[in-house]
Amino acid sequence: MKQSEVKNRIIETASYLFYKNGYNLTGINEIISETGIAKATLYNHFKSKEDICLAYLQFKNTSFLKDIETYTATKQKGKDQILAIFDFLNLFFMDKDFNGCWCIKTVSEIPRDNDRIRTEIQSQKNSFIQLINTLITDNLEGLSKTQTESLARQIYLLYESAVGESHLHQADWPIKESKNLCTIILN
C-alpha cells in the first residue's frame, strides 16, 4: 500500500473515532487497531496525537466546505442560495452519524493554551464566514463591505447555534428556527 494511502486511512479512521467518541476518549492504540497498522507506521506519518487531530480537522473542514459550496451552488440565485446553508445543515443533521460540530467538540476537549489546535479551528470558522460572505456578495446587491461582513457573521452565528442546539435537543427545530431568523434578517 502506498504511503499516501496509509496516511489517508489513518486520517479517515481517526476522523471517525474523534467525531464519534471525542478527542480525549480516542487513544493512539485505538486508532492503530482500527486502522490495522503497526505503531511505527502511525508514527512515520504523524509525530503526535495532536498532529493527527490537526489532520482530522483539516480533513473534515475540506469536505464540509466543498460539500456546502456544491450544495448551495445548485440552488436558485438570491436569498435562497444563502438560506440553503440551513437546508444543507438539516441534511447533515438527518445523517445517522450526526454528532454536532467537530470543531466545537474538539476545542472543548483541549487545554486553553493549545494554540495549534485552537488556531486551526479559528481558521476553519473564519473560512466558513468567508464562504457566507461570498454567498452574500454573489446574491445580494446594495450592501457595503462592512454590511456584508456583519451580515455574514450574523448568519454564521445562527448556523453555529443551530448545529449545537440540534445536537443537544436531537431535533431539527433549531435549524428551522435559525433559517426563519435568517430569512427575517435577509428581508
Foldseek 3Di string as FASTA:
>chain_A
DDLVVLLVLLLVLVLLCCLQPNLVVDDPVNSCVVSVHDSVSVCVNPVDSVRSLLSSLVVVLVVVVVVLVVQLVVDDAAVSSLLCSLVVVVVLLPPPSQQFDSLVRHVVPDDPPPCVSVVSSVVSLVVQLVVSLVSCVRHDPDDDSVRSSVLSVLLSVLVNVQRVVCNVVVDNVSSVVSSVVNVVVRD
